Amino acid sequence: MSGRILCVREDAIATVTLSNPGKLNAIDFAMWQKLAEVLREISGDEQVRCVVLRGDGEQAFAAGGDIEEFLHRRDTLERALAYHAQVGAALQAVFDCRHPTIALLQGACIGGGLEIAAQCDLRVCGESSRFGAPINKLGFSMYPGEMEGLLRLAGAATVFEILLEGRILGAAEALAKGLVNRVVADAEVVAEAYASARRICAGAPLVATWHKQWVRRLQHDVPLSEQELRASFAFLDTEDYREGLSAFLEKRKPDFRGR
């Protein structure tokens, strides 16, 4: 039986759940397809201001890809290329989402689960969470297109450690190595992730989108052009900018509309 990608929206927060509980939310091919579809749809929804990605239950965010499928989905070069093209499309859809994304991490975050979490903007985990990609013990390497996000997040030294040793890291070590932003008690991780989402939603949504854009642009070793510098002041023409200033001066909570 195939796993599922569930999507629930409450106010301005969309929750996307990886659900394959019989296999610790291992991600099968249909789930990779659906994840790409759902994230693209959410990205185009102007009513959404933040996306929380999580696993079904408390045991795992996702324990990797569904290894059983590899026997027929990845048994030839052409099928392997097609399989990982779909995985890459799903990861890219998470990365490209114009709304801020938070990975709510409970339990195991392994392999493909770690790849998804690495594409999110923020990662909040519980104290018992575990991270790694011990695929060296299965005899295959991480696809370069999937390694890219992990490398961007944690750097070469940490990626070497994860992949060459195949060791599973605890939450404290994952925090120290930059794999997660925040570690809280297991009983508090859901509340903390959604508190973070609400803080994001309280801000101007256009500003969140621009901050994502500029943080990523500034990681490229190419100086900003004069046109880009001028474009960084696009907020001057928005209603939200005027509302933000007025609310500050009037000592009231702003009512941002994304315009």
C-alpha atoms as a PDB file:
ATOM      1  CA  MET A   1       0.000   0.000   0.000  1.00  0.00           C
ATOM      2  CA  SER A   2       1.342   3.393  -1.012  1.00  0.00           C
ATOM      3  CA  GLY A   3       1.969   6.132   1.512  1.00  0.00           C
ATOM      4  CA  ARG A   4       0.234   9.495   1.316  1.00  0.00           C
ATOM      5  CA  ILE A   5       0.986  13.201   1.368  1.00  0.00           C
ATOM      6  CA  LEU A   6      -1.651  14.981   3.428  1.00  0.00           C
ATOM      7  CA  CYS A   7      -2.306  18.711   3.317  1.00  0.00           C
ATOM      8  CA  VAL A   8      -4.406  20.634   5.823  1.00  0.00           C
ATOM      9  CA  ARG A   9      -4.788  24.412   5.969  1.00  0.00           C
ATOM     10  CA  GLU A  10      -5.723  26.285   9.110  1.00  0.00           C
ATOM     11  CA  ASP A  11      -5.852  30.059   8.808  1.00  0.00           C
ATOM     12  CA  ALA A  12      -2.650  31.055   6.997  1.00  0.00           C
ATOM     13  CA  ILE A  13      -0.675  27.916   7.913  1.00  0.00           C
ATOM     14  CA  ALA A  14      -0.550  24.891   5.607  1.00  0.00           C
ATOM     15  CA  THR A  15       0.558  21.595   7.156  1.00  0.00           C
ATOM     16  CA  VAL A  16       1.992  18.987   4.806  1.00  0.00           C
ATOM     17  CA  THR A  17       2.316  15.525   6.361  1.00  0.00           C
ATOM     18  CA  LEU A  18       4.432  12.616   5.114  1.00  0.00           C
ATOM     19  CA  SER A  19       2.277   9.613   5.955  1.00  0.00           C
ATOM     20  CA  ASN A  20       3.473   6.048   5.625  1.00  0.00           C
ATOM     21  CA  PRO A  21       3.239   4.988   9.285  1.00  0.00           C
ATOM     22  CA  GLY A  22       3.771   1.300   8.685  1.00  0.00           C
ATOM     23  CA  LYS A  23       7.249   2.119   7.352  1.00  0.00           C
ATOM     24  CA  LEU A  24       8.219   5.042   9.604  1.00  0.00           C
ATOM     25  CA  ASN A  25       6.953   7.402   6.870  1.00  0.00           C
ATOM     26  CA  ALA A  26       9.399   6.055   4.288  1.00  0.00           C
ATOM     27  CA  ILE A  27       8.799   7.986   1.076  1.00  0.00           C
ATOM     28  CA  ASP A  28       7.700   5.975  -1.934  1.00  0.00           C
ATOM     29  CA  PHE A  29       7.633   7.157  -5.539  1.00  0.00           C
ATOM     30  CA  ALA A  30       3.968   8.183  -5.443  1.00  0.00           C
ATOM     31  CA  MET A  31       4.679  10.269  -2.351  1.00  0.00           C
ATOM     32  CA  TRP A  32       7.566  12.054  -4.088  1.00  0.00           C
ATOM     33  CA  GLN A  33       5.224  12.846  -6.964  1.00  0.00           C
ATOM     34  CA  LYS A  34       2.477  14.113  -4.680  1.00  0.00           C
ATOM     35  CA  LEU A  35       4.884  16.144  -2.552  1.00  0.00           C
ATOM     36  CA  ALA A  36       6.027  18.075  -5.622  1.00  0.00           C
ATOM     37  CA  GLU A  37       2.430  18.651  -6.696  1.00  0.00           C
ATOM     38  CA  VAL A  38       1.248  19.807  -3.269  1.00  0.00           C
ATOM     39  CA  LEU A  39       4.149  22.199  -2.685  1.00  0.00           C
ATOM     40  CA  ARG A  40       3.697  23.810  -6.092  1.00  0.00           C
ATOM     41  CA  GLU A  41       0.002  24.300  -5.373  1.00  0.00           C
ATOM     42  CA  ILE A  42       0.676  25.797  -1.940  1.00  0.00           C
ATOM     43  CA  SER A  43       3.323  28.117  -3.354  1.00  0.00           C
ATOM     44  CA  GLY A  44       0.700  29.670  -5.611  1.00  0.00           C
ATOM     45  CA  ASP A  45      -1.862  30.125  -2.820  1.00  0.00           C
ATOM     46  CA  GLU A  46      -1.810  33.755  -1.680  1.00  0.00           C
ATOM     47  CA  GLN A  47      -3.817  32.905   1.445  1.00  0.00           C
ATOM     48  CA  VAL A  48      -0.941  30.806   2.822  1.00  0.00           C
ATOM     49  CA  ARG A  49       1.807  32.546   4.789  1.00  0.00           C
ATOM     50  CA  CYS A  50       3.756  29.597   6.196  1.00  0.00           C
ATOM     51  CA  VAL A  51       4.114  25.870   5.512  1.00  0.00           C
ATOM     52  CA  VAL A  52       4.875  23.240   8.171  1.00  0.00           C
ATOM     53  CA  LEU A  53       6.199  19.897   6.933  1.00  0.00           C
ATOM     54  CA  ARG A  54       5.998  16.981   9.357  1.00  0.00           C
ATOM     55  CA  GLY A  55       5.775  13.224   9.590  1.00  0.00           C
ATOM     56  CA  ASP A  56       2.730  11.208  10.592  1.00  0.00           C
ATOM     57  CA  GLY A  57       3.028  10.359  14.291  1.00  0.00           C
ATOM     58  CA  GLU A  58       5.909  10.892  16.674  1.00  0.00           C
ATOM     59  CA  GLN A  59       8.302   8.117  15.652  1.00  0.00           C
ATOM     60  CA  ALA A  60       9.652   9.618  12.450  1.00  0.00           C
ATOM     61  CA  PHE A  61       9.665  12.603  10.155  1.00  0.00           C
ATOM     62  CA  ALA A  62      10.714  10.134   7.478  1.00  0.00           C
ATOM     63  CA  ALA A  63      13.065   7.167   7.650  1.00  0.00           C
ATOM     64  CA  GLY A  64      14.280   7.681   4.077  1.00  0.00           C
ATOM     65  CA  GLY A  65      13.061   6.411   0.736  1.00  0.00           C
ATOM     66  CA  ASP A  66      11.061   3.203   0.431  1.00  0.00           C
ATOM     67  CA  ILE A  67      13.919   0.751  -0.142  1.00  0.00           C
ATOM     68  CA  GLU A  68      11.604  -2.036  -1.323  1.00  0.00           C
ATOM     69  CA  GLU A  69      10.790   0.025  -4.421  1.00  0.00           C
ATOM     70  CA  PHE A  70      14.427   0.162  -5.463  1.00  0.00           C
ATOM     71  CA  LEU A  71      14.245  -3.441  -6.651  1.00  0.00           C
ATOM     72  CA  HIS A  72      12.034  -2.392  -9.568  1.00  0.00           C
ATOM     73  CA  ARG A  73      12.146   1.420  -9.661  1.00  0.00           C
ATOM     74  CA  ARG A  74      15.951   1.730  -9.645  1.00  0.00           C
ATOM     75  CA  ASP A  75      17.119  -1.528 -11.194  1.00  0.00           C
ATOM     76  CA  THR A  76      18.416  -0.002 -14.447  1.00  0.00           C
ATOM     77  CA  LEU A  77      20.216   3.235 -15.256  1.00  0.00           C
ATOM     78  CA  GLU A  78      17.253   4.717 -17.093  1.00  0.00           C
ATOM     79  CA  ARG A  79      14.791   3.880 -14.320  1.00  0.00           C
ATOM     80  CA  ALA A  80      17.212   5.183 -11.696  1.00  0.00           C
ATOM     81  CA  LEU A  81      17.541   8.480 -13.565  1.00  0.00           C
ATOM     82  CA  ALA A  82      13.754   8.794 -13.839  1.00  0.00           C
ATOM     83  CA  TYR A  83      13.272   7.925 -10.167  1.00  0.00           C
ATOM     84  CA  HIS A  84      15.763  10.472  -8.918  1.00  0.00           C
ATOM     85  CA  ALA A  85      14.517  13.105 -11.334  1.00  0.00           C
ATOM     86  CA  GLN A  86      11.191  12.857  -9.504  1.00  0.00           C
ATOM     87  CA  VAL A  87      12.881  13.001  -6.105  1.00  0.00           C
ATOM     88  CA  GLY A  88      14.776  16.065  -7.291  1.00  0.00           C
ATOM     89  CA  ALA A  89      11.567  17.689  -8.516  1.00  0.00           C
ATOM     90  CA  ALA A  90       9.970  17.233  -5.088  1.00  0.00           C
ATOM     91  CA  LEU A  91      12.990  18.638  -3.261  1.00  0.00           C
ATOM     92  CA  GLN A  92      13.104  21.582  -5.653  1.00  0.00           C
ATOM     93  CA  ALA A  93       9.405  22.271  -5.074  1.00  0.00           C
ATOM     94  CA  VAL A  94      10.062  22.492  -1.331  1.00  0.00           C
ATOM     95  CA  PHE A  95      13.061  24.766  -1.901  1.00  0.00           C
ATOM     96  CA  ASP A  96      11.202  26.958  -4.408  1.00  0.00           C
ATOM     97  CA  CYS A  97       8.100  27.449  -2.251  1.00  0.00           C
ATOM     98  CA  ARG A  98       7.668  31.213  -1.984  1.00  0.00           C
ATOM     99  CA  HIS A  99       6.207  30.918   1.507  1.00  0.00           C
ATOM    100  CA  PRO A 100       8.476  30.245   4.506  1.00  0.00           C
ATOM    101  CA  THR A 101       8.767  26.533   5.299  1.00  0.00           C
ATOM    102  CA  ILE A 102       9.349  24.867   8.670  1.00  0.00           C
ATOM    103  CA  ALA A 103      10.343  21.225   9.128  1.00  0.00           C
ATOM    104  CA  LEU A 104       8.744  19.871  12.311  1.00  0.00           C
ATOM    105  CA  LEU A 105      11.032  16.972  13.168  1.00  0.00           C
ATOM    106  CA  GLN A 106      10.147  14.156  15.549  1.00  0.00           C
ATOM    107  CA  GLY A 107      12.032  10.885  15.803  1.00  0.00           C
ATOM    108  CA  ALA A 108      13.974   9.647  12.784  1.00  0.00           C
ATOM    109  CA  CYS A 109      14.962  12.066  10.031  1.00  0.00           C
ATOM    110  CA  ILE A 110      16.989   9.815   7.775  1.00  0.00           C
ATOM    111  CA  GLY A 111      18.045   9.746   4.110  1.00  0.00           C
ATOM    112  CA  GLY A 112      15.280  11.214   1.986  1.00  0.00           C
ATOM    113  CA  GLY A 113      13.702  12.680   5.108  1.00  0.00           C
ATOM    114  CA  LEU A 114      16.895  14.585   5.841  1.00  0.00           C
ATOM    115  CA  GLU A 115      17.003  15.735   2.218  1.00  0.00           C
ATOM    116  CA  ILE A 116      13.496  17.199   2.531  1.00  0.00           C
ATOM    117  CA  ALA A 117      14.273  18.876   5.853  1.00  0.00           C
ATOM    118  CA  ALA A 118      17.394  20.434   4.342  1.00  0.00           C
ATOM    119  CA  GLN A 119      15.257  22.201   1.716  1.00  0.00           C
ATOM    120  CA  CYS A 120      13.132  23.937   4.371  1.00  0.00           C
ATOM    121  CA  ASP A 121      13.898  27.404   5.705  1.00  0.00           C
ATOM    122  CA  LEU A 122      13.748  26.396   9.381  1.00  0.00           C
ATOM    123  CA  ARG A 123      14.063  23.087  11.211  1.00  0.00           C
ATOM    124  CA  VAL A 124      12.701  22.501  14.733  1.00  0.00           C
ATOM    125  CA  CYS A 125      13.287  19.123  16.357  1.00  0.00           C
ATOM    126  CA  GLY A 126      12.739  17.216  19.587  1.00  0.00           C
ATOM    127  CA  GLU A 127      15.544  16.100  21.896  1.00  0.00           C
ATOM    128  CA  SER A 128      15.235  12.468  20.819  1.00  0.00           C
ATOM    129  CA  SER A 129      15.336  13.220  17.076  1.00  0.00           C
ATOM    130  CA  ARG A 130      17.959  11.389  15.027  1.00  0.00           C
ATOM    131  CA  PHE A 131      19.621  12.398  11.766  1.00  0.00           C
ATOM    132  CA  GLY A 132      21.724  10.660   9.158  1.00  0.00           C
ATOM    133  CA  ALA A 133      21.975   8.898   5.814  1.00  0.00           C
ATOM    134  CA  PRO A 134      23.675   5.521   6.384  1.00  0.00           C
ATOM    135  CA  ILE A 135      23.365   4.476   2.757  1.00  0.00           C
ATOM    136  CA  ASN A 136      27.001   3.383   2.610  1.00  0.00           C
ATOM    137  CA  LYS A 137      25.743   0.298   4.439  1.00  0.00           C
ATOM    138  CA  LEU A 138      23.253  -0.344   1.612  1.00  0.00           C
ATOM    139  CA  GLY A 139      25.848  -0.092  -1.136  1.00  0.00           C
ATOM    140  CA  PHE A 140      24.676   3.033  -2.942  1.00  0.00           C
ATOM    141  CA  SER A 141      25.669   6.687  -2.966  1.00  0.00           C
ATOM    142  CA  MET A 142      23.524   9.768  -2.524  1.00  0.00           C
ATOM    143  CA  TYR A 143      22.414  11.214  -5.844  1.00  0.00           C
ATOM    144  CA  PRO A 144      24.371  14.459  -6.450  1.00  0.00           C
ATOM    145  CA  GLY A 145      21.212  16.478  -7.073  1.00  0.00           C
ATOM    146  CA  GLU A 146      19.921  15.423  -3.660  1.00  0.00           C
ATOM    147  CA  MET A 147      23.234  15.995  -1.905  1.00  0.00           C
ATOM    148  CA  GLU A 148      23.241  19.628  -3.013  1.00  0.00           C
ATOM    149  CA  GLY A 149      20.681  20.823  -0.476  1.00  0.00           C
ATOM    150  CA  LEU A 150      22.418  19.069   2.406  1.00  0.00           C
ATOM    151  CA  LEU A 151      25.770  20.509   1.328  1.00  0.00           C
ATOM    152  CA  ARG A 152      24.293  24.002   1.114  1.00  0.00           C
ATOM    153  CA  LEU A 153      22.827  23.657   4.596  1.00  0.00           C
ATOM    154  CA  ALA A 154      25.605  22.037   6.606  1.00  0.00           C
ATOM    155  CA  GLY A 155      28.803  22.298   4.547  1.00  0.00           C
ATOM    156  CA  ALA A 156      31.248  19.762   3.195  1.00  0.00           C
ATOM    157  CA  ALA A 157      32.736  18.674   6.540  1.00  0.00           C
ATOM    158  CA  THR A 158      29.371  17.616   7.959  1.00  0.00           C
ATOM    159  CA  VAL A 159      28.240  15.988   4.713  1.00  0.00           C
ATOM    160  CA  PHE A 160      31.479  13.975   4.605  1.00  0.00           C
ATOM    161  CA  GLU A 161      30.909  12.856   8.195  1.00  0.00           C
ATOM    162  CA  ILE A 162      27.302  11.840   7.552  1.00  0.00           C
ATOM    163  CA  LEU A 163      27.980   9.975   4.321  1.00  0.00           C
ATOM    164  CA  LEU A 164      31.426   8.470   4.898  1.00  0.00           C
ATOM    165  CA  GLU A 165      30.776   7.206   8.430  1.00  0.00           C
ATOM    166  CA  GLY A 166      27.083   6.493   8.016  1.00  0.00           C
ATOM    167  CA  ARG A 167      26.680   7.550  11.630  1.00  0.00           C
ATOM    168  CA  ILE A 168      23.347   8.640  13.118  1.00  0.00           C
ATOM    169  CA  LEU A 169      23.533  12.009  14.893  1.00  0.00           C
ATOM    170  CA  GLY A 170      21.504  12.991  17.919  1.00  0.00           C
ATOM    171  CA  ALA A 171      19.647  16.285  18.172  1.00  0.00           C
ATOM    172  CA  ALA A 172      22.317  18.165  20.126  1.00  0.00           C
ATOM    173  CA  GLU A 173      25.020  17.227  17.616  1.00  0.00           C
ATOM    174  CA  ALA A 174      22.720  18.070  14.702  1.00  0.00           C
ATOM    175  CA  LEU A 175      22.217  21.524  16.219  1.00  0.00           C
ATOM    176  CA  ALA A 176      25.941  22.039  16.695  1.00  0.00           C
ATOM    177  CA  LYS A 177      26.604  21.066  13.074  1.00  0.00           C
ATOM    178  CA  GLY A 178      23.919  23.365  11.655  1.00  0.00           C
ATOM    179  CA  LEU A 179      21.464  20.676  10.557  1.00  0.00           C
ATOM    180  CA  VAL A 180      18.666  22.139  12.709  1.00  0.00           C
ATOM    181  CA  ASN A 181      17.825  25.592  14.038  1.00  0.00           C
ATOM    182  CA  ARG A 182      16.260  24.662  17.358  1.00  0.00           C
ATOM    183  CA  VAL A 183      16.022  21.706  19.740  1.00  0.00           C
ATOM    184  CA  VAL A 184      13.236  21.548  22.322  1.00  0.00           C
ATOM    185  CA  ALA A 185      11.812  18.882  24.621  1.00  0.00           C
ATOM    186  CA  ASP A 186       9.971  16.176  22.693  1.00  0.00           C
ATOM    187  CA  ALA A 187       6.674  17.180  24.277  1.00  0.00           C
ATOM    188  CA  GLU A 188       7.150  20.767  23.079  1.00  0.00           C
ATOM    189  CA  VAL A 189       8.295  20.333  19.481  1.00  0.00           C
ATOM    190  CA  VAL A 190       4.847  20.571  17.873  1.00  0.00           C
ATOM    191  CA  ALA A 191       3.913  23.652  19.885  1.00  0.00           C
ATOM    192  CA  GLU A 192       7.248  25.319  19.153  1.00  0.00           C
ATOM    193  CA  ALA A 193       7.064  24.672  15.406  1.00  0.00           C
ATOM    194  CA  TYR A 194       3.580  26.165  15.191  1.00  0.00           C
ATOM    195  CA  ALA A 195       4.559  29.070  17.433  1.00  0.00           C
ATOM    196  CA  SER A 196       7.330  29.767  14.943  1.00  0.00           C
ATOM    197  CA  ALA A 197       4.805  29.557  12.091  1.00  0.00           C
ATOM    198  CA  ARG A 198       2.512  32.034  13.842  1.00  0.00           C
ATOM    199  CA  ARG A 199       5.396  34.468  14.338  1.00  0.00           C
ATOM    200  CA  ILE A 200       6.095  34.260  10.621  1.00  0.00           C
ATOM    201  CA  CYS A 201       2.424  34.788   9.796  1.00  0.00           C
ATOM    202  CA  ALA A 202       2.354  37.924  11.958  1.00  0.00           C
ATOM    203  CA  GLY A 203       4.878  39.554   9.643  1.00  0.00           C
ATOM    204  CA  ALA A 204       4.341  41.026   6.204  1.00  0.00           C
ATOM    205  CA  PRO A 205       4.108  38.121   3.720  1.00  0.00           C
ATOM    206  CA  LEU A 206       5.742  40.008   0.844  1.00  0.00           C
ATOM    207  CA  VAL A 207       8.672  40.792   3.120  1.00  0.00           C
ATOM    208  CA  ALA A 208       9.075  37.097   3.989  1.00  0.00           C
ATOM    209  CA  THR A 209       9.193  36.269   0.288  1.00  0.00           C
ATOM    210  CA  TRP A 210      11.788  38.972  -0.379  1.00  0.00           C
ATOM    211  CA  HIS A 211      13.922  37.866   2.556  1.00  0.00           C
ATOM    212  CA  LYS A 212      13.979  34.318   1.149  1.00  0.00           C
ATOM    213  CA  GLN A 213      14.905  35.709  -2.255  1.00  0.00           C
ATOM    214  CA  TRP A 214      17.754  37.914  -1.046  1.00  0.00           C
ATOM    215  CA  VAL A 215      19.260  35.425   1.401  1.00  0.00           C
ATOM    216  CA  ARG A 216      19.563  32.932  -1.446  1.00  0.00           C
ATOM    217  CA  ARG A 217      20.804  35.486  -3.947  1.00  0.00           C
ATOM    218  CA  LEU A 218      23.540  36.714  -1.605  1.00  0.00           C
ATOM    219  CA  GLN A 219      24.972  33.214  -1.306  1.00  0.00           C
ATOM    220  CA  HIS A 220      26.143  33.459  -4.926  1.00  0.00           C
ATOM    221  CA  ASP A 221      29.599  34.973  -5.470  1.00  0.00           C
ATOM    222  CA  VAL A 222      28.275  37.529  -7.955  1.00  0.00           C
ATOM    223  CA  PRO A 223      27.901  41.175  -6.875  1.00  0.00           C
ATOM    224  CA  LEU A 224      24.406  42.607  -6.896  1.00  0.00           C
ATOM    225  CA  SER A 225      23.670  44.674  -9.973  1.00  0.00           C
ATOM    226  CA  GLU A 226      22.353  48.225  -9.832  1.00  0.00           C
ATOM    227  CA  GLN A 227      19.006  46.875 -11.034  1.00  0.00           C
ATOM    228  CA  GLU A 228      18.906  44.355  -8.191  1.00  0.00           C
ATOM    229  CA  LEU A 229      19.765  47.003  -5.611  1.00  0.00           C
ATOM    230  CA  ARG A 230      16.928  49.152  -6.885  1.00  0.00           C
ATOM    231  CA  ALA A 231      14.590  46.142  -6.863  1.00  0.00           C
ATOM    232  CA  SER A 232      15.352  45.595  -3.167  1.00  0.00           C
ATOM    233  CA  PHE A 233      13.262  48.705  -2.438  1.00  0.00           C
ATOM    234  CA  ALA A 234      10.133  47.308  -4.084  1.00  0.00           C
ATOM    235  CA  PHE A 235       8.493  47.407  -0.648  1.00  0.00           C
ATOM    236  CA  LEU A 236       8.189  51.202  -0.968  1.00  0.00           C
ATOM    237  CA  ASP A 237       5.228  50.757  -3.312  1.00  0.00           C
ATOM    238  CA  THR A 238       3.314  48.281  -1.139  1.00  0.00           C
ATOM    239  CA  GLU A 239       0.288  48.792   1.058  1.00  0.00           C
ATOM    240  CA  ASP A 240       1.919  46.590   3.700  1.00  0.00           C
ATOM    241  CA  TYR A 241       4.841  49.010   4.038  1.00  0.00           C
ATOM    242  CA  ARG A 242       2.496  51.919   4.636  1.00  0.00           C
ATOM    243  CA  GLU A 243       0.442  49.815   7.038  1.00  0.00           C
ATOM    244  CA  GLY A 244       3.542  48.712   8.947  1.00  0.00           C
ATOM    245  CA  LEU A 245       4.759  52.265   9.460  1.00  0.00           C
ATOM    246  CA  SER A 246       1.306  53.517  10.437  1.00  0.00           C
ATOM    247  CA  ALA A 247       0.798  50.700  12.922  1.00  0.00           C
ATOM    248  CA  PHE A 248       4.193  51.348  14.513  1.00  0.00           C
ATOM    249  CA  LEU A 249       3.539  55.086  14.885  1.00  0.00           C
ATOM    250  CA  GLU A 250       0.008  54.477  16.155  1.00  0.00           C
ATOM    251  CA  LYS A 251       1.232  51.749  18.557  1.00  0.00           C
ATOM    252  CA  ARG A 252      -1.131  49.075  17.233  1.00  0.00           C
ATOM    253  CA  LYS A 253      -0.822  45.646  15.654  1.00  0.00           C
ATOM    254  CA  PRO A 254      -0.405  45.838  11.859  1.00  0.00           C
ATOM    255  CA  ASP A 255      -2.925  44.243   9.514  1.00  0.00           C
ATOM    256  CA  PHE A 256      -0.849  42.993   6.599  1.00  0.00           C
ATOM    257  CA  ARG A 257      -2.692  42.017   3.399  1.00  0.00           C
ATOM    258  CA  GLY A 258       0.159  40.903   1.153  1.00  0.00           C
ATOM    259  CA  ARG A 259      -0.286  43.891  -1.153  1.00  0.00           C
END
